[in-house]
């Protein structure tokens, strides 16, 4: 049921604030404090207003670098004449992660972040081109770095539940190595059972079932059902909505067709459960956006009565949202 009142919020801002705080601890060499902060986030299950796990900010900010900070005419010229400089920012971050691992030898979190680092570095080397357009040299770097990520994950596999991020990062590594489907499902099931309320396992897991990764719409439907089943005691149908929103947020108009063929009744009920658990403007706007994608005007009208003048701008500043005319365009569409 749609909530009568909502709290205005900005989970994206909260996520960035946490991430920058963690990154500052890493760069300042405050490794013990960093490790304790992350352990506390996981043990308390700290979440943001939309239900996002605060702990996931570690992967977004500790394991990657801001490439935009290392671009520009001067930087590009230096890298042109000295190609090795392109890897310098990555190597500096790797040194920091290794120092953290040495300072906290009993913690598995640095291993997980190092694995995530190698995956990000692998994709940076490969680029976003189609497989048949990627140079052999880039492919070799990609798979070499993915193997390094896999090695770091295997080193702490027996203690994976001590850092839940091990599971979604492992799913990405298995997919990148094009390993057996059964191995991927084993990691997913183990992660979902270890903490059924850790939504990132499901949202990352859904990627594998998209047509772009050789999945199918039928497989995505089966996965949504399985995710609901596994999380039945701590969110149930809401996980289907979280998955759908994650796919729309990440892939935009390229997945609208796949989502439109899913069980909207299940997904709509899931958004209702999600909004009940997290009665915030952000979740209501996610719901409205998804309703527009499947052209459910009735639900959109009811949501607009609740959202009123509280559009969450992070939802409406995307390419797909622009095709809908943004928040105002969706309002006009729903009322006509």
Protein backbone atom coordinates (compact mmCIF):
# COMPACT_ATOMS: atom_id res chain seq x y z
CA UNK A 1 0.00 0.00 0.00
CA UNK A 2 1.29 3.48 -0.87
CA UNK A 3 2.23 5.50 2.21
CA UNK A 4 0.18 8.66 2.91
CA UNK A 5 3.25 10.67 3.89
CA UNK A 6 6.86 10.53 2.76
CA UNK A 7 10.16 11.73 4.13
CA UNK A 8 12.21 13.89 1.77
CA UNK A 9 15.63 12.29 1.40
CA UNK A 10 18.74 11.92 -0.77
CA UNK A 11 20.28 8.45 -0.32
CA UNK A 12 22.81 9.19 -3.06
CA UNK A 13 24.22 12.07 -1.04
CA UNK A 14 24.35 9.90 2.07
CA UNK A 15 26.11 7.11 0.17
CA UNK A 16 28.73 9.54 -1.17
CA UNK A 17 29.29 11.08 2.26
CA UNK A 18 29.96 7.67 3.79
CA UNK A 19 32.17 6.65 0.87
CA UNK A 20 34.30 9.79 1.00
CA UNK A 21 34.71 9.39 4.77
CA UNK A 22 35.92 5.81 4.32
CA UNK A 23 38.24 6.84 1.49
CA UNK A 24 39.75 9.59 3.63
CA UNK A 25 40.53 7.05 6.36
CA UNK A 26 42.26 4.84 3.78
CA UNK A 27 44.34 7.65 2.29
CA UNK A 28 45.26 8.99 5.73
CA UNK A 29 46.51 5.56 6.75
CA UNK A 30 43.94 5.15 9.54
CA UNK A 31 43.50 1.47 8.69
CA UNK A 32 42.38 0.18 12.08
CA UNK A 33 39.68 2.85 12.33
CA UNK A 34 38.61 2.11 8.75
CA UNK A 35 38.37 -1.61 9.40
CA UNK A 36 36.43 -1.12 12.63
CA UNK A 37 34.01 1.28 10.91
CA UNK A 38 33.24 -1.23 8.16
CA UNK A 39 32.84 -4.09 10.63
CA UNK A 40 30.38 -2.00 12.64
CA UNK A 41 28.38 -1.09 9.51
CA UNK A 42 27.97 -4.74 8.64
CA UNK A 43 27.20 -5.98 12.15
CA UNK A 44 24.51 -3.32 12.68
CA UNK A 45 23.10 -3.69 9.16
CA UNK A 46 23.27 0.09 8.72
CA UNK A 47 21.24 1.25 5.71
CA UNK A 48 20.39 4.51 4.01
CA UNK A 49 16.87 5.90 3.70
CA UNK A 50 16.08 3.77 0.63
CA UNK A 51 17.40 0.57 2.21
CA UNK A 52 20.82 0.60 0.49
CA UNK A 53 23.48 -0.99 2.68
CA UNK A 54 25.97 1.63 3.89
CA UNK A 55 28.69 -1.03 3.83
CA UNK A 56 28.54 -1.06 0.01
CA UNK A 57 30.06 2.42 -0.09
CA UNK A 58 33.39 0.72 0.61
CA UNK A 59 33.39 -1.02 -2.76
CA UNK A 60 32.38 2.13 -4.60
CA UNK A 61 34.99 4.41 -3.03
CA UNK A 62 37.90 2.33 -1.70
CA UNK A 63 38.52 0.02 -4.63
CA UNK A 64 38.34 2.49 -7.49
CA UNK A 65 39.84 5.79 -8.53
CA UNK A 66 38.20 8.84 -10.03
CA UNK A 67 39.52 8.69 -13.58
CA UNK A 68 38.24 12.19 -14.28
CA UNK A 69 40.79 13.53 -11.79
CA UNK A 70 43.55 12.09 -13.95
CA UNK A 71 42.36 13.44 -17.30
CA UNK A 72 42.93 16.71 -19.08
CA UNK A 73 45.30 18.03 -21.71
CA UNK A 74 48.40 17.92 -19.50
CA UNK A 75 47.67 14.45 -18.09
CA UNK A 76 46.77 13.07 -21.50
CA UNK A 77 50.02 14.37 -23.02
CA UNK A 78 52.06 12.80 -20.22
CA UNK A 79 50.34 9.46 -20.74
CA UNK A 80 50.82 9.71 -24.51
CA UNK A 81 54.60 10.01 -24.17
CA UNK A 82 54.88 7.81 -21.10
CA UNK A 83 52.07 5.17 -21.29
CA UNK A 84 53.10 3.65 -17.96
CA UNK A 85 51.77 6.78 -16.25
CA UNK A 86 48.23 5.64 -17.09
CA UNK A 87 48.51 2.98 -14.38
CA UNK A 88 50.12 5.25 -11.78
CA UNK A 89 46.87 6.25 -10.00
CA UNK A 90 45.77 2.62 -9.89
CA UNK A 91 49.08 1.50 -8.43
CA UNK A 92 48.92 4.20 -5.76
CA UNK A 93 45.46 2.99 -4.68
CA UNK A 94 46.66 -0.63 -4.69
CA UNK A 95 49.53 0.34 -2.37
CA UNK A 96 47.02 1.85 0.06
CA UNK A 97 44.84 -1.26 0.00
CA UNK A 98 47.85 -3.51 0.59
CA UNK A 99 48.97 -1.33 3.50
CA UNK A 100 45.49 -1.72 5.00
CA UNK A 101 45.70 -5.50 4.58
CA UNK A 102 49.08 -5.57 6.37
CA UNK A 103 47.83 -3.35 9.20
CA UNK A 104 44.72 -5.53 9.76
CA UNK A 105 45.90 -9.09 9.04
CA UNK A 106 42.88 -10.71 10.69
CA UNK A 107 40.37 -8.86 8.55
CA UNK A 108 39.13 -10.20 5.21
CA UNK A 109 37.68 -6.84 4.10
CA UNK A 110 40.97 -5.57 2.59
CA UNK A 111 41.18 -8.76 0.52
CA UNK A 112 37.66 -8.18 -0.79
CA UNK A 113 38.42 -4.55 -1.64
CA UNK A 114 41.64 -5.57 -3.39
CA UNK A 115 39.64 -8.05 -5.46
CA UNK A 116 37.14 -5.33 -6.35
CA UNK A 117 40.06 -3.06 -7.23
CA UNK A 118 41.45 -5.61 -9.69
CA UNK A 119 38.02 -6.00 -11.31
CA UNK A 120 37.69 -2.24 -11.78
CA UNK A 121 41.23 -2.06 -13.13
CA UNK A 122 40.45 -4.96 -15.49
CA UNK A 123 37.46 -3.18 -17.00
CA UNK A 124 39.47 0.03 -17.26
CA UNK A 125 42.05 -1.83 -19.37
CA UNK A 126 39.44 -3.58 -21.50
CA UNK A 127 37.18 -0.61 -22.19
CA UNK A 128 33.47 -0.75 -23.02
CA UNK A 129 33.71 -1.91 -26.64
CA UNK A 130 32.09 -5.09 -27.92
CA UNK A 131 34.25 -8.19 -27.43
CA UNK A 132 35.23 -8.45 -31.11
CA UNK A 133 36.48 -4.85 -31.03
CA UNK A 134 38.77 -5.19 -27.99
CA UNK A 135 42.50 -5.47 -28.87
CA UNK A 136 44.28 -8.68 -27.86
CA UNK A 137 46.60 -6.71 -25.55
CA UNK A 138 43.60 -5.29 -23.67
CA UNK A 139 41.97 -8.73 -23.40
CA UNK A 140 45.16 -10.17 -21.90
CA UNK A 141 45.28 -7.42 -19.29
CA UNK A 142 41.59 -7.88 -18.53
CA UNK A 143 41.78 -11.62 -17.86
CA UNK A 144 45.08 -11.34 -15.98
CA UNK A 145 43.58 -8.80 -13.59
CA UNK A 146 40.37 -10.77 -13.19
CA UNK A 147 42.48 -13.78 -12.18
CA UNK A 148 44.20 -11.63 -9.55
CA UNK A 149 40.77 -10.66 -8.23
CA UNK A 150 39.72 -14.30 -8.13
CA UNK A 151 42.90 -15.24 -6.23
CA UNK A 152 42.25 -12.56 -3.59
CA UNK A 153 38.69 -13.80 -3.13
CA UNK A 154 39.70 -17.45 -2.88
CA UNK A 155 42.23 -16.59 -0.19
CA UNK A 156 39.40 -15.67 2.21
CA UNK A 157 36.52 -17.72 0.82
CA UNK A 158 36.12 -19.78 4.00
CA UNK A 159 35.40 -16.58 5.96
CA UNK A 160 33.22 -14.88 3.34
CA UNK A 161 30.38 -14.08 5.74
CA UNK A 162 32.69 -11.75 7.68
CA UNK A 163 32.47 -9.34 4.73
CA UNK A 164 29.24 -9.81 2.82
CA UNK A 165 30.57 -7.84 -0.15
CA UNK A 166 32.60 -10.98 -0.93
CA UNK A 167 29.49 -12.50 -2.52
CA UNK A 168 28.48 -9.88 -5.13
CA UNK A 169 32.14 -9.25 -6.01
CA UNK A 170 32.65 -12.99 -6.46
CA UNK A 171 29.60 -13.12 -8.74
CA UNK A 172 31.17 -10.43 -10.92
CA UNK A 173 34.49 -12.31 -11.02
CA UNK A 174 32.84 -15.62 -11.97
CA UNK A 175 30.90 -13.91 -14.77
CA UNK A 176 34.01 -12.10 -16.03
CA UNK A 177 35.92 -15.38 -16.22
CA UNK A 178 33.04 -17.01 -18.09
CA UNK A 179 33.07 -19.93 -15.68
CA UNK A 180 30.36 -22.58 -15.30
CA UNK A 181 26.81 -21.43 -14.55
CA UNK A 182 26.64 -23.89 -11.67
CA UNK A 183 29.57 -22.19 -9.96
CA UNK A 184 27.83 -18.82 -10.28
CA UNK A 185 24.62 -20.17 -8.75
CA UNK A 186 26.55 -21.78 -5.89
CA UNK A 187 28.01 -18.38 -4.93
CA UNK A 188 24.63 -16.66 -5.28
CA UNK A 189 22.74 -19.21 -3.17
CA UNK A 190 25.41 -19.16 -0.49
CA UNK A 191 25.31 -15.35 -0.30
CA UNK A 192 21.53 -15.14 -0.23
CA UNK A 193 21.32 -17.71 2.55
CA UNK A 194 24.13 -16.10 4.55
CA UNK A 195 22.20 -12.82 4.74
CA UNK A 196 18.83 -12.81 2.95
CA UNK A 197 18.44 -9.06 3.57
CA UNK A 198 21.69 -8.13 1.80
CA UNK A 199 20.10 -6.80 -1.37
CA UNK A 200 23.31 -6.32 -3.35
CA UNK A 201 23.64 -10.08 -3.82
CA UNK A 202 20.31 -10.13 -5.66
CA UNK A 203 20.79 -6.95 -7.70
CA UNK A 204 24.25 -7.97 -8.90
CA UNK A 205 22.98 -11.49 -9.48
CA UNK A 206 20.23 -10.27 -11.79
CA UNK A 207 22.77 -9.01 -14.34
CA UNK A 208 23.69 -12.56 -15.25
CA UNK A 209 20.14 -13.21 -16.53
CA UNK A 210 19.92 -10.29 -18.95
CA UNK A 211 19.94 -10.92 -22.67
CA UNK A 212 23.17 -8.92 -23.00
CA UNK A 213 24.91 -11.60 -20.94
CA UNK A 214 23.34 -14.47 -22.91
CA UNK A 215 20.42 -14.78 -20.52
CA UNK A 216 16.76 -14.54 -21.45
CA UNK A 217 13.54 -12.92 -20.28
CA UNK A 218 12.36 -16.29 -19.03
CA UNK A 219 15.55 -16.75 -17.00
CA UNK A 220 15.16 -13.27 -15.50
CA UNK A 221 11.59 -14.14 -14.49
CA UNK A 222 12.79 -17.35 -12.82
CA UNK A 223 15.51 -15.43 -11.01
CA UNK A 224 13.05 -12.84 -9.68
CA UNK A 225 10.92 -15.66 -8.31
CA UNK A 226 13.91 -17.35 -6.70
CA UNK A 227 15.06 -14.09 -5.13
CA UNK A 228 11.62 -13.51 -3.62
CA UNK A 229 11.63 -17.05 -2.24
CA UNK A 230 15.07 -16.73 -0.63
CA UNK A 231 14.26 -13.37 0.98
CA UNK A 232 10.71 -14.25 2.02
CA UNK A 233 11.34 -13.66 5.74
CA UNK A 234 13.03 -10.25 5.38
CA UNK A 235 11.52 -8.38 2.47
CA UNK A 236 10.03 -10.94 0.16
CA UNK A 237 8.48 -9.31 -2.88
CA UNK A 238 10.38 -6.07 -2.28
CA UNK A 239 13.54 -7.71 -3.57
CA UNK A 240 11.93 -8.05 -7.01
CA UNK A 241 11.33 -4.29 -7.04
CA UNK A 242 14.88 -3.58 -5.86
CA UNK A 243 16.25 -5.74 -8.67
CA UNK A 244 14.10 -4.03 -11.29
CA UNK A 245 15.07 -0.56 -10.10
CA UNK A 246 18.76 -1.53 -10.08
CA UNK A 247 18.54 -2.75 -13.68
CA UNK A 248 16.73 0.40 -14.83
CA UNK A 249 19.19 2.61 -13.00
CA UNK A 250 22.20 0.83 -14.47
CA UNK A 251 21.08 0.01 -18.00
CA UNK A 252 18.29 2.48 -18.77
CA UNK A 253 16.31 2.04 -21.96
CA UNK A 254 18.23 -1.08 -23.00
CA UNK A 255 16.37 -3.20 -20.41
CA UNK A 256 12.89 -1.63 -20.52
CA UNK A 257 11.65 -4.28 -22.95
CA UNK A 258 12.90 -7.12 -20.76
CA UNK A 259 11.34 -5.63 -17.64
CA UNK A 260 8.03 -4.90 -19.35
CA UNK A 261 7.63 -8.63 -19.98
CA UNK A 262 8.10 -9.55 -16.32
CA UNK A 263 5.29 -10.07 -13.81
CA UNK A 264 4.36 -6.45 -13.10
CA UNK A 265 1.88 -7.57 -10.46
CA UNK A 266 4.73 -9.11 -8.47
CA UNK A 267 7.02 -6.15 -9.05
CA UNK A 268 4.33 -3.59 -8.19
CA UNK A 269 3.58 -5.42 -4.95
CA UNK A 270 7.31 -5.45 -4.29
CA UNK A 271 7.56 -1.69 -4.69
CA UNK A 272 4.63 -1.36 -2.30
CA UNK A 273 6.46 -3.49 0.29
CA UNK A 274 9.66 -1.53 -0.29
CA UNK A 275 7.86 1.78 0.20
CA UNK A 276 6.21 0.44 3.35
CA UNK A 277 9.62 -0.51 4.77
CA UNK A 278 11.32 2.71 3.59
CA UNK A 279 8.66 5.46 3.33
CA UNK A 280 10.90 7.96 1.56
CA UNK A 281 10.59 10.21 -1.48
CA UNK A 282 13.43 8.36 -3.20
CA UNK A 283 11.66 4.99 -3.13
CA UNK A 284 8.37 6.56 -4.24
CA UNK A 285 10.18 8.12 -7.20
CA UNK A 286 11.81 4.78 -8.09
CA UNK A 287 8.30 3.28 -8.07
CA UNK A 288 6.92 6.08 -10.24
CA UNK A 289 9.75 5.71 -12.74
CA UNK A 290 9.19 1.95 -13.04
CA UNK A 291 5.43 2.53 -13.43
CA UNK A 292 6.13 4.87 -16.34
CA UNK A 293 8.42 2.27 -17.96
CA UNK A 294 5.60 -0.30 -18.02
CA UNK A 295 2.93 2.35 -18.71
CA UNK A 296 0.88 1.74 -15.55
CA UNK A 297 -0.98 5.05 -15.34
CA UNK A 298 -3.21 4.04 -12.45
CA UNK A 299 -0.29 3.37 -10.13
CA UNK A 300 1.52 6.48 -11.37
CA UNK A 301 -1.48 8.69 -10.53
CA UNK A 302 -1.72 7.32 -6.99
CA UNK A 303 2.01 7.81 -6.48
CA UNK A 304 1.87 11.39 -7.70
CA UNK A 305 -0.74 12.15 -5.05
CA UNK A 306 1.82 11.03 -2.47
CA UNK A 307 4.97 12.43 -4.05
CA UNK A 308 3.33 15.81 -4.70
CA UNK A 309 6.19 18.30 -5.08
CA UNK A 310 8.99 15.96 -3.91
CA UNK A 311 10.65 14.62 -7.06
CA UNK A 312 13.96 12.93 -6.32
CA UNK A 313 16.12 14.58 -8.96
CA UNK A 314 18.69 11.79 -9.15
CA UNK A 315 15.94 9.63 -10.71
CA UNK A 316 14.92 12.19 -13.31
CA UNK A 317 18.36 13.34 -14.51
CA UNK A 318 19.00 10.26 -16.64
CA UNK A 319 18.87 9.65 -20.38
CA UNK A 320 15.80 7.42 -20.13
CA UNK A 321 14.00 9.93 -17.89
CA UNK A 322 14.71 12.63 -20.45
CA UNK A 323 12.92 10.51 -23.05
CA UNK A 324 9.87 10.62 -20.78
CA UNK A 325 10.16 14.40 -20.47
CA UNK A 326 11.53 14.15 -16.93
CA UNK A 327 9.33 14.42 -13.86
CA UNK A 328 7.04 16.99 -15.47
CA UNK A 329 6.60 14.83 -18.54
CA UNK A 330 5.61 11.83 -16.43
CA UNK A 331 3.14 13.99 -14.47
CA UNK A 332 1.52 15.10 -17.72
CA UNK A 333 1.45 11.55 -19.06
CA UNK A 334 -0.19 10.18 -15.91
CA UNK A 335 -2.89 12.86 -15.82
CA UNK A 336 -3.93 12.47 -19.48
